[in-house]
Amino acid sequence: MMTQQALIALMPIIMMAVTIVVVMLCIAWQRNHRVTALLAAGGQLMALLSLAPVLDVMPQPVTTLLIMDSYAVFYMGLMLASGLAGTFLFYGYIDRFEGNREEIYLLLLMATLGAMVLVASNDFVSLFLGLELMSLSLFGMVAYPVRQRRALEAAIKYLILSAVASSVMLFGIALLYAELGTMQLPRIGELLPDPNGPRNLMLLAGGAMIMVGFGFKLSLAPFHAWTPDVYEGAPAPVTGFLATVAKGSVLALALRYLVTSGAHMYDSLMLGLSLAALLSIFVGNWLALMQQNIKRILAYSSIAHFGYVLVAMIAAGPLGVEAVSIYIVTYFVTTIGAFGVLGLMSTPMGDRDADALWDYRGLFWRRPFLTGAFTVILLSLAGIPFTAGFIGKFYIVAAGVDEQLWVLLAAVVAGSAIGLYYYLRVMVTLYLPSTTTRNLRLELSWPQKIMGLATVFLTLALVWMGTYPEPLINITRLMVAPLQ
């Protein structure tokens, strides 16, 4: 039976589901872009606030499918805050769209709900339901500007490859279930045989297939081929959402899966993750050097960034879990800010977003404040001191040193040095004499100004976390403790 504590624990998910229904009915009754955006933002804010009562009843299992502990609350809060920031970015971007604008918020809310289910999953059933709810919503979001050929192409590629990855993951889950007879993550950890004993090929194959599915969703090398094309083709705010909420929720679930099920005790799986980390760091950074498109640069750099995160996951232990969580927070704020800048420079009614490097040549002489914000964001992506990105990198290195992962740490240092070059190349372009012919309106509408204010707020948050990280560290350490 559903208890009062379980209902309180479910309140954030219930609030999001109710918001989706209300927004859908509002659209059916009368289309109004402003009202729809306000309802979506209000619903996400109410769901975010409803996390506070959950703190009094956690840890609270909700049937066998979900577990509402402080780890789930931490990542749910991160997903909701990111979705709320994405709503403001969508509002400024989609305001210039000459088609139906309201359905994008329905897709955004459903994708956020799927991410919330993912981070609280305690069973492979809820894992798959949350993953597919999020993925199916993302297909529609990527293809939303139906007049843009690149957006439709990106959506088709993502749909096909995501379906293949989900099938591989599902088959891996089936192998584990056939061998162990359970889909509950804690129960799997209890039933797994001794890592030092005889190897069970079915368990190894199932675990490897699940890791392949996670690798695709996180765009880790060698499962990264979809990433640059989808990033380039999707609208800028959608790309920001895909790069943060979609990937971050999968990463949070993968970390819970590794620790809770005891899979991190198997040397063969850790060796595979180590190879994926090395490949992701070097392939992502090396290919980013060759790009002239900012979206593709950010796509390949995201591959490298999740390679860095893998180093902390491989380290495991208390510091490893804490390092992953801190890095994800700093990455979220930085990446959403970056795509907020691209969204301000773009329009959904053109043949493409303003994503070519030459679109930003001399931007300082036309939009100095926007250029300043973009400069800080790029510095944070590069991991320069006094930005949030530096704090994240510092914790990754600390976790690696704690477990003596010297080869992976050398890759992190080398990859960061390569990344510094292409981030500086973009920054230098911003301050060169302007020769672009792209028409940029200097006067922004008030929805675009809201979008700009959200970007400025994210930039200030980067500096604040970089100069005074203690609150972030304390909150993260407190909330992710159950998984350590």
Protein backbone atom coordinates (compact mmCIF):
# COMPACT_ATOMS: atom_id res chain seq x y z
CA MET A 1 0.00 0.00 0.00
CA MET A 2 1.06 3.58 -0.68
CA THR A 3 1.96 5.29 2.59
CA GLN A 4 1.89 9.00 3.39
CA GLN A 5 5.70 9.08 3.41
CA ALA A 6 5.79 7.48 -0.03
CA LEU A 7 3.33 10.08 -1.37
CA ILE A 8 5.49 12.88 0.02
CA ALA A 9 8.54 11.30 -1.58
CA LEU A 10 6.72 11.11 -4.91
CA MET A 11 5.50 14.71 -4.77
CA PRO A 12 8.15 16.15 -7.19
CA ILE A 13 7.28 13.54 -9.81
CA ILE A 14 3.54 14.05 -9.22
CA MET A 15 3.95 17.83 -9.57
CA MET A 16 5.72 17.42 -12.90
CA ALA A 17 3.04 15.02 -14.18
CA VAL A 18 0.27 17.43 -13.14
CA THR A 19 2.12 20.31 -14.84
CA ILE A 20 2.29 18.33 -18.07
CA VAL A 21 -1.47 17.71 -18.00
CA VAL A 22 -2.24 21.36 -17.17
CA VAL A 23 0.00 22.66 -19.96
CA MET A 24 -1.55 20.22 -22.44
CA LEU A 25 -5.09 21.32 -21.52
CA CYS A 26 -4.07 24.98 -21.72
CA ILE A 27 -2.72 24.49 -25.24
CA ALA A 28 -5.89 22.64 -26.27
CA TRP A 29 -8.09 25.43 -24.87
CA GLN A 30 -6.23 28.47 -26.22
CA ARG A 31 -2.74 28.90 -27.60
CA ASN A 32 -0.74 31.54 -25.76
CA HIS A 33 3.03 31.35 -25.78
CA ARG A 34 3.54 33.51 -22.72
CA VAL A 35 0.96 31.69 -20.58
CA THR A 36 2.29 28.27 -21.61
CA ALA A 37 5.87 29.25 -20.76
CA LEU A 38 4.75 30.65 -17.38
CA LEU A 39 2.83 27.46 -16.56
CA ALA A 40 5.82 25.30 -17.51
CA ALA A 41 8.22 27.42 -15.46
CA GLY A 42 5.79 27.58 -12.53
CA GLY A 43 5.27 23.83 -12.52
CA GLN A 44 9.00 23.15 -12.52
CA LEU A 45 9.50 25.67 -9.71
CA MET A 46 6.76 24.00 -7.63
CA ALA A 47 8.33 20.59 -8.25
CA LEU A 48 11.70 22.01 -7.20
CA LEU A 49 10.21 23.42 -3.98
CA SER A 50 8.43 20.13 -3.27
CA LEU A 51 11.83 18.49 -2.85
CA ALA A 52 12.13 20.17 0.57
CA PRO A 53 9.52 17.93 2.32
CA VAL A 54 11.18 14.88 0.78
CA LEU A 55 14.26 15.59 2.91
CA ASP A 56 12.20 14.79 6.03
CA VAL A 57 11.12 11.30 4.87
CA MET A 58 14.19 10.05 2.99
CA PRO A 59 15.45 7.49 2.38
CA GLN A 60 12.05 6.33 1.21
CA PRO A 61 11.54 3.39 -1.17
CA VAL A 62 8.52 3.81 -3.44
CA THR A 63 7.59 0.22 -4.33
CA THR A 64 10.64 -1.60 -5.66
CA LEU A 65 11.08 0.73 -8.63
CA LEU A 66 12.17 4.04 -7.09
CA ILE A 67 14.29 5.07 -4.14
CA MET A 68 14.02 8.66 -2.88
CA ASP A 69 17.26 9.21 -0.99
CA SER A 70 19.43 12.30 -0.75
CA TYR A 71 21.34 11.23 -3.89
CA ALA A 72 18.10 11.17 -5.90
CA VAL A 73 16.95 14.47 -4.38
CA PHE A 74 20.28 16.13 -5.27
CA TYR A 75 20.10 15.09 -8.92
CA MET A 76 16.36 15.75 -9.19
CA GLY A 77 17.01 19.29 -7.99
CA LEU A 78 19.76 19.63 -10.58
CA MET A 79 17.51 18.33 -13.39
CA LEU A 80 14.64 20.64 -12.39
CA ALA A 81 16.90 23.70 -12.07
CA SER A 82 18.42 22.94 -15.47
CA GLY A 83 14.97 22.41 -17.00
CA LEU A 84 13.84 25.73 -15.53
CA ALA A 85 16.87 27.49 -17.02
CA GLY A 86 16.14 25.74 -20.30
CA THR A 87 12.56 27.07 -20.22
CA PHE A 88 13.84 30.65 -20.10
CA LEU A 89 16.22 29.95 -22.97
CA PHE A 90 13.46 28.31 -25.00
CA TYR A 91 11.18 31.28 -24.38
CA GLY A 92 13.60 33.75 -25.92
CA TYR A 93 14.57 31.47 -28.78
CA ILE A 94 11.20 30.04 -29.82
CA ASP A 95 9.48 33.45 -29.55
CA ARG A 96 10.70 34.15 -33.09
CA PHE A 97 9.34 30.86 -34.44
CA GLU A 98 6.50 31.30 -36.97
CA GLY A 99 4.81 28.00 -36.21
CA ASN A 100 3.19 26.44 -33.14
CA ARG A 101 5.47 27.33 -30.24
CA GLU A 102 3.69 25.86 -27.25
CA GLU A 103 4.33 22.13 -27.74
CA ILE A 104 8.06 22.57 -27.15
CA TYR A 105 7.30 23.09 -23.44
CA LEU A 106 5.33 19.84 -23.28
CA LEU A 107 8.31 18.00 -24.72
CA LEU A 108 10.66 19.78 -22.32
CA LEU A 109 8.52 18.86 -19.30
CA MET A 110 8.21 15.21 -20.35
CA ALA A 111 11.94 14.92 -20.97
CA THR A 112 12.63 16.43 -17.53
CA LEU A 113 10.16 14.01 -15.94
CA GLY A 114 11.96 11.11 -17.61
CA ALA A 115 15.27 12.39 -16.24
CA MET A 116 13.78 12.61 -12.73
CA VAL A 117 12.59 9.00 -12.93
CA LEU A 118 16.04 7.95 -14.11
CA VAL A 119 17.98 9.45 -11.20
CA ALA A 120 15.63 7.82 -8.66
CA SER A 121 15.52 4.42 -10.37
CA ASN A 122 16.22 1.39 -8.21
CA ASP A 123 15.19 -1.18 -10.79
CA PHE A 124 15.90 -1.83 -14.46
CA VAL A 125 12.18 -1.44 -15.24
CA SER A 126 11.98 2.16 -14.00
CA LEU A 127 15.40 2.79 -15.56
CA PHE A 128 14.13 1.84 -19.00
CA LEU A 129 10.82 3.70 -18.62
CA GLY A 130 12.55 6.92 -17.59
CA LEU A 131 15.17 6.57 -20.31
CA GLU A 132 12.65 6.08 -23.09
CA LEU A 133 10.32 8.84 -21.86
CA MET A 134 13.25 11.23 -22.00
CA SER A 135 14.59 9.96 -25.33
CA LEU A 136 11.25 10.03 -27.17
CA SER A 137 10.67 13.62 -26.05
CA LEU A 138 14.15 14.59 -27.22
CA PHE A 139 13.48 13.30 -30.74
CA GLY A 140 10.62 15.81 -31.08
CA MET A 141 12.64 18.63 -29.54
CA VAL A 142 15.55 18.13 -31.94
CA ALA A 143 13.23 18.16 -34.99
CA TYR A 144 11.04 21.02 -33.76
CA PRO A 145 12.11 23.57 -36.45
CA VAL A 146 10.55 21.44 -39.18
CA ARG A 147 11.68 23.82 -41.93
CA GLN A 148 15.35 23.22 -41.14
CA ARG A 149 16.77 20.27 -43.03
CA ARG A 150 19.65 19.84 -40.57
CA ALA A 151 17.26 19.59 -37.62
CA LEU A 152 15.24 16.82 -39.29
CA GLU A 153 18.41 14.99 -40.29
CA ALA A 154 19.75 15.22 -36.73
CA ALA A 155 16.48 13.89 -35.28
CA ILE A 156 16.46 10.89 -37.63
CA LYS A 157 20.07 10.03 -36.82
CA TYR A 158 19.45 10.33 -33.10
CA LEU A 159 16.25 8.27 -33.34
CA ILE A 160 17.85 5.37 -35.20
CA LEU A 161 21.09 5.21 -33.21
CA SER A 162 19.32 5.71 -29.88
CA ALA A 163 16.94 2.86 -30.71
CA VAL A 164 19.90 0.59 -31.44
CA ALA A 165 21.62 1.57 -28.17
CA SER A 166 18.42 1.01 -26.19
CA SER A 167 18.02 -2.42 -27.79
CA VAL A 168 21.56 -3.40 -26.84
CA MET A 169 20.99 -2.21 -23.26
CA LEU A 170 17.68 -4.07 -23.05
CA PHE A 171 19.32 -7.28 -24.23
CA GLY A 172 22.02 -6.85 -21.58
CA ILE A 173 19.33 -6.40 -18.92
CA ALA A 174 17.65 -9.58 -20.17
CA LEU A 175 20.92 -11.53 -19.80
CA LEU A 176 21.35 -10.31 -16.21
CA TYR A 177 17.74 -11.18 -15.40
CA ALA A 178 18.09 -14.64 -16.94
CA GLU A 179 21.13 -15.34 -14.80
CA LEU A 180 20.18 -13.63 -11.50
CA GLY A 181 16.36 -13.61 -11.59
CA THR A 182 15.99 -9.98 -10.46
CA MET A 183 16.02 -6.48 -11.90
CA GLN A 184 16.49 -4.61 -8.63
CA LEU A 185 19.89 -2.92 -8.44
CA PRO A 186 20.58 -3.66 -4.74
CA ARG A 187 19.47 -7.27 -5.19
CA ILE A 188 21.80 -7.65 -8.17
CA GLY A 189 24.67 -6.53 -5.95
CA GLU A 190 23.80 -9.25 -3.45
CA LEU A 191 23.55 -12.00 -6.09
CA LEU A 192 26.64 -11.21 -8.13
CA PRO A 193 29.35 -13.84 -7.68
CA ASP A 194 32.75 -13.13 -6.18
CA PRO A 195 34.77 -10.94 -8.62
CA ASN A 196 37.84 -13.07 -7.87
CA GLY A 197 36.03 -16.35 -8.56
CA PRO A 198 35.28 -18.10 -11.87
CA ARG A 199 33.99 -15.76 -14.56
CA ASN A 200 30.37 -15.97 -15.66
CA LEU A 201 30.33 -15.08 -19.36
CA MET A 202 26.60 -14.31 -19.39
CA LEU A 203 26.97 -11.78 -16.58
CA LEU A 204 30.00 -10.21 -18.22
CA ALA A 205 28.20 -9.97 -21.58
CA GLY A 206 25.10 -8.48 -19.95
CA GLY A 207 27.13 -5.93 -17.99
CA ALA A 208 29.12 -5.01 -21.10
CA MET A 209 25.93 -4.47 -23.15
CA ILE A 210 24.48 -2.23 -20.45
CA MET A 211 27.72 -0.24 -20.41
CA VAL A 212 27.51 0.09 -24.21
CA GLY A 213 24.01 1.56 -23.85
CA PHE A 214 25.25 4.00 -21.24
CA GLY A 215 28.23 4.81 -23.46
CA PHE A 216 25.96 5.80 -26.34
CA LYS A 217 23.71 7.95 -24.17
CA LEU A 218 26.79 9.70 -22.74
CA SER A 219 28.45 9.90 -26.21
CA LEU A 220 31.61 8.20 -24.98
CA ALA A 221 34.11 7.05 -27.60
CA PRO A 222 33.78 4.83 -29.57
CA PHE A 223 29.98 5.36 -29.38
CA HIS A 224 30.19 9.09 -30.09
CA ALA A 225 29.55 9.32 -33.84
CA TRP A 226 26.03 10.76 -33.46
CA THR A 227 27.06 13.63 -31.20
CA PRO A 228 28.47 16.33 -33.56
CA ASP A 229 25.71 15.91 -36.14
CA VAL A 230 22.91 16.03 -33.57
CA TYR A 231 24.47 18.97 -31.72
CA GLU A 232 24.86 20.88 -34.98
CA GLY A 233 21.38 20.15 -36.32
CA ALA A 234 19.34 20.70 -33.15
CA PRO A 235 18.21 24.19 -32.06
CA ALA A 236 20.70 25.77 -29.65
CA PRO A 237 18.52 25.53 -26.47
CA VAL A 238 17.64 21.91 -27.32
CA THR A 239 21.32 21.10 -27.73
CA GLY A 240 22.00 22.64 -24.32
CA PHE A 241 19.24 20.52 -22.77
CA LEU A 242 20.50 17.38 -24.50
CA ALA A 243 24.09 18.03 -23.39
CA THR A 244 23.12 18.53 -19.74
CA VAL A 245 19.83 17.06 -18.51
CA ALA A 246 19.78 14.10 -20.90
CA LYS A 247 23.40 13.13 -20.32
CA GLY A 248 23.56 14.10 -16.66
CA SER A 249 20.59 11.94 -15.67
CA VAL A 250 22.09 8.93 -17.46
CA LEU A 251 25.42 9.55 -15.74
CA ALA A 252 23.75 9.75 -12.31
CA LEU A 253 21.96 6.47 -13.00
CA ALA A 254 25.15 4.82 -14.31
CA LEU A 255 26.98 5.82 -11.13
CA ARG A 256 24.19 4.40 -8.96
CA TYR A 257 24.21 1.21 -11.04
CA LEU A 258 27.98 0.76 -10.70
CA VAL A 259 28.07 1.35 -6.95
CA THR A 260 24.77 -0.25 -5.90
CA SER A 261 25.08 -3.40 -8.00
CA GLY A 262 28.75 -3.88 -7.19
CA ALA A 263 29.71 -3.86 -10.88
CA HIS A 264 32.69 -1.60 -10.08
CA MET A 265 34.31 -4.60 -8.35
CA TYR A 266 34.81 -6.39 -11.69
CA ASP A 267 38.23 -5.61 -13.17
CA SER A 268 37.16 -6.43 -16.73
CA LEU A 269 34.37 -3.83 -16.68
CA MET A 270 36.68 -1.26 -15.10
CA LEU A 271 39.26 -1.96 -17.80
CA GLY A 272 36.60 -1.31 -20.45
CA LEU A 273 35.63 1.95 -18.77
CA SER A 274 39.29 2.97 -18.56
CA LEU A 275 39.73 2.41 -22.30
CA ALA A 276 36.54 4.37 -22.99
CA ALA A 277 37.82 7.23 -20.81
CA LEU A 278 41.17 7.36 -22.64
CA LEU A 279 39.51 7.21 -26.06
CA SER A 280 36.93 9.85 -25.14
CA ILE A 281 39.53 12.29 -23.84
CA PHE A 282 41.86 12.04 -26.82
CA VAL A 283 39.28 11.56 -29.61
CA GLY A 284 37.07 14.36 -28.29
CA ASN A 285 39.86 16.89 -27.87
CA TRP A 286 41.70 15.95 -31.04
CA LEU A 287 38.64 16.16 -33.30
CA ALA A 288 37.55 19.44 -31.67
CA LEU A 289 40.82 20.97 -32.90
CA MET A 290 39.72 20.48 -36.51
CA GLN A 291 36.28 22.10 -36.29
CA GLN A 292 35.14 25.49 -37.59
CA ASN A 293 31.65 25.15 -36.15
CA ILE A 294 31.10 26.11 -32.49
CA LYS A 295 28.37 23.52 -31.95
CA ARG A 296 30.66 20.79 -33.23
CA ILE A 297 33.49 22.11 -31.05
CA LEU A 298 31.19 21.90 -28.02
CA ALA A 299 30.04 18.44 -29.13
CA TYR A 300 33.52 17.01 -29.29
CA SER A 301 34.55 18.79 -26.10
CA SER A 302 31.55 17.21 -24.33
CA ILE A 303 32.91 13.80 -25.34
CA ALA A 304 36.19 14.74 -23.65
CA HIS A 305 34.41 16.14 -20.58
CA PHE A 306 32.55 12.91 -19.98
CA GLY A 307 35.85 11.11 -20.42
CA TYR A 308 37.13 13.18 -17.50
CA VAL A 309 34.05 12.22 -15.48
CA LEU A 310 34.73 8.54 -16.18
CA VAL A 311 38.07 8.91 -14.40
CA ALA A 312 36.25 9.83 -11.18
CA MET A 313 33.72 7.01 -11.72
CA ILE A 314 36.54 4.51 -12.12
CA ALA A 315 38.11 5.84 -8.93
CA ALA A 316 34.81 5.13 -7.13
CA GLY A 317 34.96 5.52 -3.34
CA PRO A 318 33.70 8.56 -1.41
CA LEU A 319 35.89 11.08 -3.22
CA GLY A 320 35.06 9.62 -6.64
CA VAL A 321 31.29 9.94 -6.14
CA GLU A 322 31.72 13.46 -4.79
CA ALA A 323 34.00 14.43 -7.70
CA VAL A 324 31.48 13.19 -10.28
CA SER A 325 28.66 15.19 -8.68
CA ILE A 326 30.65 18.42 -8.37
CA TYR A 327 31.91 18.14 -11.94
CA ILE A 328 28.41 17.55 -13.27
CA VAL A 329 27.07 20.66 -11.51
CA THR A 330 29.84 22.86 -12.92
CA TYR A 331 29.45 21.29 -16.36
CA PHE A 332 25.68 21.89 -16.34
CA VAL A 333 25.98 25.58 -15.53
CA THR A 334 28.77 26.13 -18.06
CA THR A 335 27.15 24.25 -20.93
CA ILE A 336 23.68 25.75 -20.51
CA GLY A 337 25.30 29.19 -20.48
CA ALA A 338 27.24 28.40 -23.66
CA PHE A 339 24.15 27.35 -25.58
CA GLY A 340 22.27 30.33 -24.14
CA VAL A 341 24.79 32.56 -25.94
CA LEU A 342 24.33 30.59 -29.16
CA GLY A 343 20.56 30.85 -28.78
CA LEU A 344 20.73 34.64 -28.42
CA MET A 345 22.74 34.80 -31.64
CA SER A 346 20.40 32.51 -33.59
CA THR A 347 16.90 32.36 -34.99
CA PRO A 348 14.68 29.28 -35.54
CA MET A 349 13.49 30.67 -38.86
CA GLY A 350 16.82 30.61 -40.69
CA ASP A 351 18.44 27.69 -42.45
CA ARG A 352 20.77 27.21 -39.47
CA ASP A 353 21.72 28.61 -36.09
CA ALA A 354 24.60 31.05 -35.76
CA ASP A 355 27.10 28.29 -35.07
CA ALA A 356 29.91 28.93 -37.56
CA LEU A 357 33.09 30.36 -36.08
CA TRP A 358 33.02 33.30 -38.48
CA ASP A 359 29.57 34.30 -37.16
CA TYR A 360 31.33 35.32 -33.93
CA ARG A 361 34.27 37.19 -35.41
CA GLY A 362 34.38 40.66 -33.85
CA LEU A 363 31.37 40.01 -31.61
CA PHE A 364 32.99 42.15 -28.90
CA TRP A 365 32.57 45.27 -31.02
CA ARG A 366 28.84 44.69 -31.40
CA ARG A 367 27.78 42.98 -28.16
CA PRO A 368 30.47 43.49 -25.52
CA PHE A 369 28.44 42.17 -22.56
CA LEU A 370 27.48 39.00 -24.41
CA THR A 371 31.11 38.55 -25.43
CA GLY A 372 32.24 38.95 -21.82
CA ALA A 373 29.80 36.27 -20.70
CA PHE A 374 30.88 33.91 -23.48
CA THR A 375 34.55 34.48 -22.60
CA VAL A 376 33.95 33.48 -18.96
CA ILE A 377 32.02 30.39 -20.12
CA LEU A 378 34.85 29.32 -22.43
CA LEU A 379 37.39 29.83 -19.65
CA SER A 380 35.29 27.63 -17.39
CA LEU A 381 35.11 24.91 -20.05
CA ALA A 382 38.90 25.07 -20.27
CA GLY A 383 39.20 24.71 -16.48
CA ILE A 384 40.91 28.04 -15.81
CA PRO A 385 41.19 29.06 -12.09
CA PHE A 386 38.48 31.25 -10.54
CA THR A 387 35.81 29.56 -12.65
CA ALA A 388 33.55 26.62 -11.80
CA GLY A 389 35.27 24.45 -14.41
CA PHE A 390 38.54 24.61 -12.45
CA ILE A 391 36.83 23.30 -9.30
CA GLY A 392 35.38 20.38 -11.24
CA LYS A 393 38.74 19.50 -12.82
CA PHE A 394 40.47 19.79 -9.44
CA TYR A 395 38.13 17.20 -7.93
CA ILE A 396 38.60 14.85 -10.88
CA VAL A 397 42.37 15.00 -10.41
CA ALA A 398 42.03 14.59 -6.63
CA ALA A 399 39.88 11.45 -7.07
CA GLY A 400 42.39 10.01 -9.54
CA VAL A 401 45.34 10.73 -7.24
CA ASP A 402 43.49 9.13 -4.33
CA GLU A 403 43.22 5.87 -6.30
CA GLN A 404 46.61 6.27 -8.06
CA LEU A 405 45.15 6.25 -11.59
CA TRP A 406 48.30 7.76 -13.06
CA VAL A 407 47.72 6.85 -16.72
CA LEU A 408 44.20 8.31 -16.68
CA LEU A 409 45.44 11.42 -14.88
CA ALA A 410 48.10 11.93 -17.52
CA ALA A 411 45.34 11.73 -20.14
CA VAL A 412 43.28 14.32 -18.23
CA VAL A 413 46.23 16.73 -18.12
CA ALA A 414 47.12 16.21 -21.79
CA GLY A 415 43.47 16.51 -22.87
CA SER A 416 43.02 19.71 -20.88
CA ALA A 417 46.09 21.21 -22.55
CA ILE A 418 44.71 20.38 -26.01
CA GLY A 419 41.30 21.74 -25.05
CA LEU A 420 42.82 25.03 -23.94
CA TYR A 421 43.98 25.65 -27.53
CA TYR A 422 40.60 25.38 -29.25
CA TYR A 423 38.79 27.30 -26.50
CA LEU A 424 41.35 30.11 -26.87
CA ARG A 425 40.85 30.00 -30.64
CA VAL A 426 37.15 30.77 -30.16
CA MET A 427 37.92 33.50 -27.61
CA VAL A 428 40.42 35.20 -29.91
CA THR A 429 37.85 35.18 -32.72
CA LEU A 430 35.44 37.15 -30.52
CA TYR A 431 37.85 40.08 -30.31
CA LEU A 432 39.14 40.19 -33.90
CA PRO A 433 38.04 43.00 -36.26
CA SER A 434 34.53 42.30 -37.48
CA THR A 435 34.08 41.14 -41.08
CA THR A 436 30.88 39.11 -40.75
CA THR A 437 27.89 39.85 -42.93
CA ARG A 438 25.39 38.04 -40.69
CA ASN A 439 22.54 40.37 -39.71
CA LEU A 440 22.39 40.71 -35.92
CA ARG A 441 19.68 42.89 -34.37
CA LEU A 442 21.14 44.98 -31.61
CA GLU A 443 17.72 45.69 -30.07
CA LEU A 444 16.40 42.58 -28.36
CA SER A 445 12.75 41.85 -27.67
CA TRP A 446 11.82 41.35 -24.03
CA PRO A 447 11.63 37.53 -24.35
CA GLN A 448 15.19 37.66 -25.69
CA LYS A 449 16.15 39.91 -22.79
CA ILE A 450 14.84 37.25 -20.37
CA MET A 451 17.00 34.76 -22.23
CA GLY A 452 19.95 37.13 -21.91
CA LEU A 453 19.36 37.63 -18.18
CA ALA A 454 19.32 33.85 -17.67
CA THR A 455 22.65 33.62 -19.50
CA VAL A 456 24.14 36.41 -17.39
CA PHE A 457 22.91 34.71 -14.20
CA LEU A 458 24.56 31.44 -15.25
CA THR A 459 27.81 33.30 -15.98
CA LEU A 460 27.79 34.93 -12.54
CA ALA A 461 27.12 31.51 -11.00
CA LEU A 462 30.24 30.19 -12.76
CA VAL A 463 32.40 32.89 -11.21
CA TRP A 464 30.77 32.50 -7.79
CA MET A 465 31.34 28.72 -7.73
CA GLY A 466 34.90 29.22 -8.92
CA THR A 467 35.82 31.79 -6.28
CA TYR A 468 33.70 30.51 -3.37
CA PRO A 469 33.06 26.78 -3.93
CA GLU A 470 32.55 25.85 -0.27
CA PRO A 471 28.70 25.87 -0.33
CA LEU A 472 28.64 23.67 -3.43
CA ILE A 473 31.17 21.27 -1.91
CA ASN A 474 29.32 21.02 1.40
CA ILE A 475 25.92 20.45 -0.21
CA THR A 476 27.31 17.85 -2.60
CA ARG A 477 29.19 16.02 0.14
CA LEU A 478 26.06 15.89 2.29
CA MET A 479 23.64 14.81 -0.45
CA VAL A 480 25.65 12.11 -2.25
CA ALA A 481 26.76 10.45 1.01
CA PRO A 482 24.28 7.48 0.78
CA LEU A 483 25.99 6.25 -2.38
CA GLN A 484 29.54 6.37 -0.98
